[in-house]
């Protein structure tokens, strides 16, 4: 398994998952964990127990080819929709959108800054959604968000070439910490890619080609009962027809890897919008929220997004 991935470098690693979690996640025994450690799987030992980075464990599972690890089963389940007709992804879809913001080491009453949903530009709507007021400790944001899809494929031959070149570059999609994703040159130098890192690099390539482009964060919805708790980003680029297009490069990569029967969805990711994504005002690897109390510890932002009945 260890031959297929790049482990998270020490400066970005957070080794808090115990060996028992690793065995359950990878569907293996202690002897196999020993072999992975011998193959350079990073760990820290505390009180006689080995601890690992969750990103490393997920990536090992994803590329294990065992078919029964938790990451393999989860991602196959997540992308079942991508092999179906894309027409359902183009219809208006409403979501109960709730976000909990927490300042874990709060230093007092201060304004909250939240990068709210930004779906109107792509034909969606927001009902409710008052900005969190000043406070301490925690804050909430709630709204009903309606998203919709539209077929707006890239028309610029240059943009399509840059996008296809990236998809054919051989970068391996991996789970990567958000802070490391912002270091997108390091991620790609390792031969890896990820949602935010891919969007940051592709946006840069689009700008170098003379197009207005920016990596923007958002939420991927409708899976596991709520929001998929993974970083998500797309590239927003103004095409030569003057229309703002969304390139969801990472989802195109994942769909291609996880199922051969996803070509329609992959094409939808290259310029069009679909109703499982809620765009936000956050750029690139920026956080969705912060508390201006002066605490050096970043705010935690957790979204719960459920289909509105």
Foldseek 3Di string as FASTA:
>chain_A
DVVPDDAADPVFFDFDAWPVNLCQQQVHDPVVVVVVVVVPQDWDADPNITTHGPQSSLQCNCPVPPCPGNNLVQLLVVCPVLLDDCPQQAAKFKKWKKKKKFDPPFQWWFAKDFFFFDAVLVPKDWAAFDGWGTGIGMTMTTIMIIHGKDQDAFDDPVLVVLLVCVLPVQQAETQYDLVVLLVLVVQVVRSHHYALSVQQVSQVVCVVVPWHKFKFWWWQADGPQFTDPGTHIWMWIQHPVRDTFTARSRVLNSSVVSDVSRVVVSRCNRGMGTGRIGTTNGTRSDDRMATPRPDPDGMDMDMGMHGDD
